[in-house]
N, C-alpha and C. Protein backbone atom coordinates (compact mmCIF):
# COMPACT_ATOMS: atom_id res chain seq x y z
N MET A 1 -11.27 14.07 -9.13
CA MET A 1 -10.54 12.72 -9.09
C MET A 1 -9.89 12.13 -8.03
N ALA A 2 -10.33 10.43 -7.10
CA ALA A 2 -9.89 10.15 -6.50
C ALA A 2 -8.93 9.32 -6.11
N LYS A 3 -7.35 9.51 -4.99
CA LYS A 3 -6.36 9.24 -5.60
C LYS A 3 -6.11 8.31 -4.10
N SER A 4 -5.29 7.02 -5.10
CA SER A 4 -5.25 6.05 -3.45
C SER A 4 -3.64 6.00 -3.58
N LEU A 5 -2.95 5.23 -2.35
CA LEU A 5 -1.94 4.67 -2.39
C LEU A 5 -2.30 3.45 -2.28
N GLU A 6 -1.53 2.09 -3.50
CA GLU A 6 -1.82 1.17 -2.96
C GLU A 6 -0.24 0.15 -2.85
N LEU A 7 -0.20 -0.20 -2.20
CA LEU A 7 0.90 -0.72 -1.32
C LEU A 7 1.07 -2.22 -1.35
N VAL A 8 1.96 -3.17 -2.11
CA VAL A 8 2.10 -4.29 -2.18
C VAL A 8 2.70 -5.00 -1.43
N PHE A 9 2.83 -5.91 -0.87
CA PHE A 9 3.62 -6.85 0.14
C PHE A 9 3.75 -8.40 0.27
N LYS A 10 4.59 -9.27 0.18
CA LYS A 10 4.47 -10.47 0.47
C LYS A 10 4.50 -10.76 1.52
N THR A 11 4.01 -11.93 2.24
CA THR A 11 4.03 -12.29 3.67
C THR A 11 4.52 -13.60 3.96
N VAL A 12 5.02 -13.94 5.05
CA VAL A 12 5.69 -14.83 5.36
C VAL A 12 5.17 -16.14 4.42
N SER A 13 4.10 -16.60 4.55
CA SER A 13 3.50 -17.56 3.78
C SER A 13 3.54 -17.48 1.68
N ASP A 14 4.45 -16.65 2.15
CA ASP A 14 4.38 -16.26 0.24
C ASP A 14 3.38 -16.16 -0.52
N LYS A 15 2.56 -15.19 0.11
CA LYS A 15 1.12 -14.37 -0.94
C LYS A 15 1.60 -13.09 -1.16
N GLU A 16 0.73 -12.30 -2.17
CA GLU A 16 1.10 -11.08 -1.75
C GLU A 16 -0.40 -10.46 -1.44
N VAL A 17 -0.19 -9.46 -0.76
CA VAL A 17 -1.59 -9.04 -0.02
C VAL A 17 -1.31 -7.24 -0.22
N GLN A 18 -2.44 -6.75 -0.55
CA GLN A 18 -2.08 -5.20 -0.27
C GLN A 18 -3.42 -4.16 -0.13
N TYR A 19 -2.77 -3.31 0.24
CA TYR A 19 -3.24 -1.81 1.35
C TYR A 19 -3.40 -1.35 -0.03
N SER A 20 -4.60 -0.42 0.33
CA SER A 20 -4.99 0.90 -0.46
C SER A 20 -5.21 2.22 0.75
N LEU A 21 -4.80 3.17 0.59
CA LEU A 21 -4.59 3.94 1.57
C LEU A 21 -5.54 5.40 0.54
N SER A 22 -6.34 5.76 1.18
CA SER A 22 -7.02 7.25 0.81
C SER A 22 -6.37 8.87 0.51
N ASP A 23 -6.49 9.17 0.00
CA ASP A 23 -5.70 10.77 -0.24
C ASP A 23 -4.20 10.86 0.51
N PRO A 24 -3.41 10.05 -0.15
CA PRO A 24 -2.20 10.24 -0.52
C PRO A 24 -1.55 11.81 -0.40
N LYS A 25 -0.23 12.39 -0.19
CA LYS A 25 -0.12 13.25 0.03
C LYS A 25 0.48 13.65 -1.30
N ASP A 26 0.75 14.37 -1.77
CA ASP A 26 1.31 15.16 -3.48
C ASP A 26 2.55 14.83 -3.54
N GLY A 27 3.54 14.44 -3.83
CA GLY A 27 5.33 14.72 -4.23
C GLY A 27 5.06 13.08 -3.21
N LEU A 28 4.77 12.13 -3.27
CA LEU A 28 5.34 11.43 -2.43
C LEU A 28 6.14 10.67 -3.08
N THR A 29 7.05 9.96 -2.81
CA THR A 29 8.27 9.55 -3.59
C THR A 29 8.39 8.48 -3.56
N LYS A 30 9.37 7.16 -4.50
CA LYS A 30 9.69 5.71 -3.87
C LYS A 30 10.69 5.80 -3.01
N ALA A 31 11.75 6.44 -2.13
CA ALA A 31 12.11 6.56 -1.10
C ALA A 31 11.11 7.03 0.02
N ASN A 32 10.42 8.38 0.02
CA ASN A 32 9.06 8.01 1.24
C ASN A 32 8.58 6.36 1.44
N THR A 33 7.54 6.22 -0.22
CA THR A 33 7.30 4.65 0.32
C THR A 33 7.96 3.53 0.88
N ASP A 34 9.54 3.38 -0.04
CA ASP A 34 10.42 2.65 1.10
C ASP A 34 10.26 2.38 2.26
N GLU A 35 10.18 3.51 2.89
CA GLU A 35 10.74 3.74 4.06
C GLU A 35 9.38 3.87 5.08
N TYR A 36 8.73 3.96 4.65
CA TYR A 36 6.64 3.86 5.12
C TYR A 36 6.87 2.11 4.70
N MET A 37 7.14 1.24 3.87
CA MET A 37 6.66 0.14 3.86
C MET A 37 8.05 -0.74 4.50
N ALA A 38 8.78 -0.39 4.81
CA ALA A 38 10.13 -0.93 5.78
C ALA A 38 9.05 -1.10 7.50
N ALA A 39 9.02 1.00 7.48
CA ALA A 39 8.64 0.23 8.91
C ALA A 39 7.39 -0.77 9.02
N CYS A 40 6.37 -0.42 8.25
CA CYS A 40 4.70 -1.35 8.19
C CYS A 40 5.91 -2.86 8.92
N ILE A 41 6.39 -3.61 8.04
CA ILE A 41 7.12 -4.77 8.32
C ILE A 41 7.25 -4.56 9.48
N ALA A 42 8.61 -3.74 9.81
CA ALA A 42 9.35 -4.18 10.69
C ALA A 42 8.59 -3.83 12.55
N LYS A 43 7.16 -2.65 12.42
CA LYS A 43 6.30 -2.36 13.24
C LYS A 43 5.26 -3.55 13.57
N ASN A 44 5.43 -4.30 12.29
CA ASN A 44 4.03 -5.17 12.14
C ASN A 44 2.88 -4.65 11.81
N VAL A 45 2.45 -3.69 11.28
CA VAL A 45 1.74 -2.36 11.47
C VAL A 45 0.30 -3.32 10.94
N PHE A 46 0.20 -4.18 9.73
CA PHE A 46 -1.16 -4.52 9.18
C PHE A 46 -0.70 -6.16 9.25
N SER A 47 -1.75 -6.74 9.62
CA SER A 47 -2.37 -8.25 10.24
C SER A 47 -3.68 -8.71 8.73
N ASN A 48 -3.43 -10.24 8.41
CA ASN A 48 -4.17 -10.55 7.62
C ASN A 48 -4.17 -12.23 7.59
N LYS A 49 -4.71 -12.99 6.69
CA LYS A 49 -4.58 -13.77 6.89
C LYS A 49 -3.83 -14.90 6.80
N SER A 50 -2.68 -13.87 5.53
CA SER A 50 -1.71 -14.60 5.25
C SER A 50 -0.33 -15.24 6.41
N GLY A 51 -0.73 -14.41 7.44
CA GLY A 51 0.53 -14.18 8.09
C GLY A 51 1.45 -12.43 8.19
N ASP A 52 2.55 -12.49 9.15
CA ASP A 52 2.89 -11.19 8.88
C ASP A 52 3.78 -11.00 7.38
N LEU A 53 3.88 -9.47 7.75
CA LEU A 53 4.57 -9.28 5.58
C LEU A 53 6.13 -9.48 6.36
N LYS A 54 6.44 -9.91 5.40
CA LYS A 54 8.09 -9.97 5.24
C LYS A 54 8.50 -9.77 4.06
N THR A 55 8.20 -8.98 2.54
CA THR A 55 9.07 -7.99 2.32
C THR A 55 7.58 -6.98 1.60
N ALA A 56 8.48 -5.67 1.14
CA ALA A 56 7.65 -4.85 0.40
C ALA A 56 7.82 -5.38 -1.12
N VAL A 57 6.74 -5.08 -2.07
CA VAL A 57 6.68 -5.83 -3.40
C VAL A 57 6.81 -4.33 -4.53
N LYS A 58 5.87 -3.49 -3.79
CA LYS A 58 5.83 -2.59 -4.90
C LYS A 58 4.49 -1.14 -4.22
N ALA A 59 4.89 -0.27 -4.23
CA ALA A 59 3.94 0.82 -4.39
C ALA A 59 3.35 1.59 -5.29
N GLN A 60 1.70 1.72 -5.39
CA GLN A 60 2.30 3.01 -6.42
C GLN A 60 0.93 3.78 -6.58
N ILE A 61 0.59 4.74 -7.22
CA ILE A 61 -0.57 5.66 -7.06
C ILE A 61 -1.71 5.30 -7.86
N LYS A 62 -2.88 5.12 -7.27
CA LYS A 62 -4.04 4.92 -8.23
C LYS A 62 -4.77 6.18 -8.06
N GLU A 63 -5.30 6.66 -9.68
CA GLU A 63 -6.67 7.49 -9.60
C GLU A 63 -7.30 7.04 -10.14
N VAL A 64 -8.72 7.81 -10.54
CA VAL A 64 -10.15 7.19 -10.28
C VAL A 64 -10.22 8.25 -10.68
N THR A 65 -11.09 7.98 -11.54
CA THR A 65 -12.84 9.59 -12.20
C THR A 65 -14.27 8.47 -11.95
N VAL A 66 -14.71 9.44 -10.98
CA VAL A 66 -15.87 8.51 -10.71
C VAL A 66 -17.18 9.61 -11.05
N THR A 67 -18.20 9.18 -11.87
CA THR A 67 -19.20 10.22 -12.76
C THR A 67 -20.31 9.41 -12.62
N ALA A 68 -21.11 9.92 -11.34
CA ALA A 68 -22.63 9.87 -10.94
C ALA A 68 -23.30 10.12 -11.67
N LEU A 69 -24.44 9.18 -11.76
CA LEU A 69 -25.37 8.97 -12.79
C LEU A 69 -27.02 9.37 -12.18
N VAL A 70 -27.16 10.19 -12.18
CA VAL A 70 -28.73 10.45 -11.46
C VAL A 70 -29.59 10.68 -12.36
């Protein structure tokens, strides 16, 4: 099963953007993701066409099961 951490932000142009980070560590908490997202905004870590990040919207862990067909 593949896991990813999905981070959703609002930009200065009021559009939502999402970033996905693969293989997040186990045991992440809301406090961990809030702190990380605040740092991403403060340090302008991500760039996109909609402008700088303004606010954190949500963080979630997505789990996907992939079955190869041969």
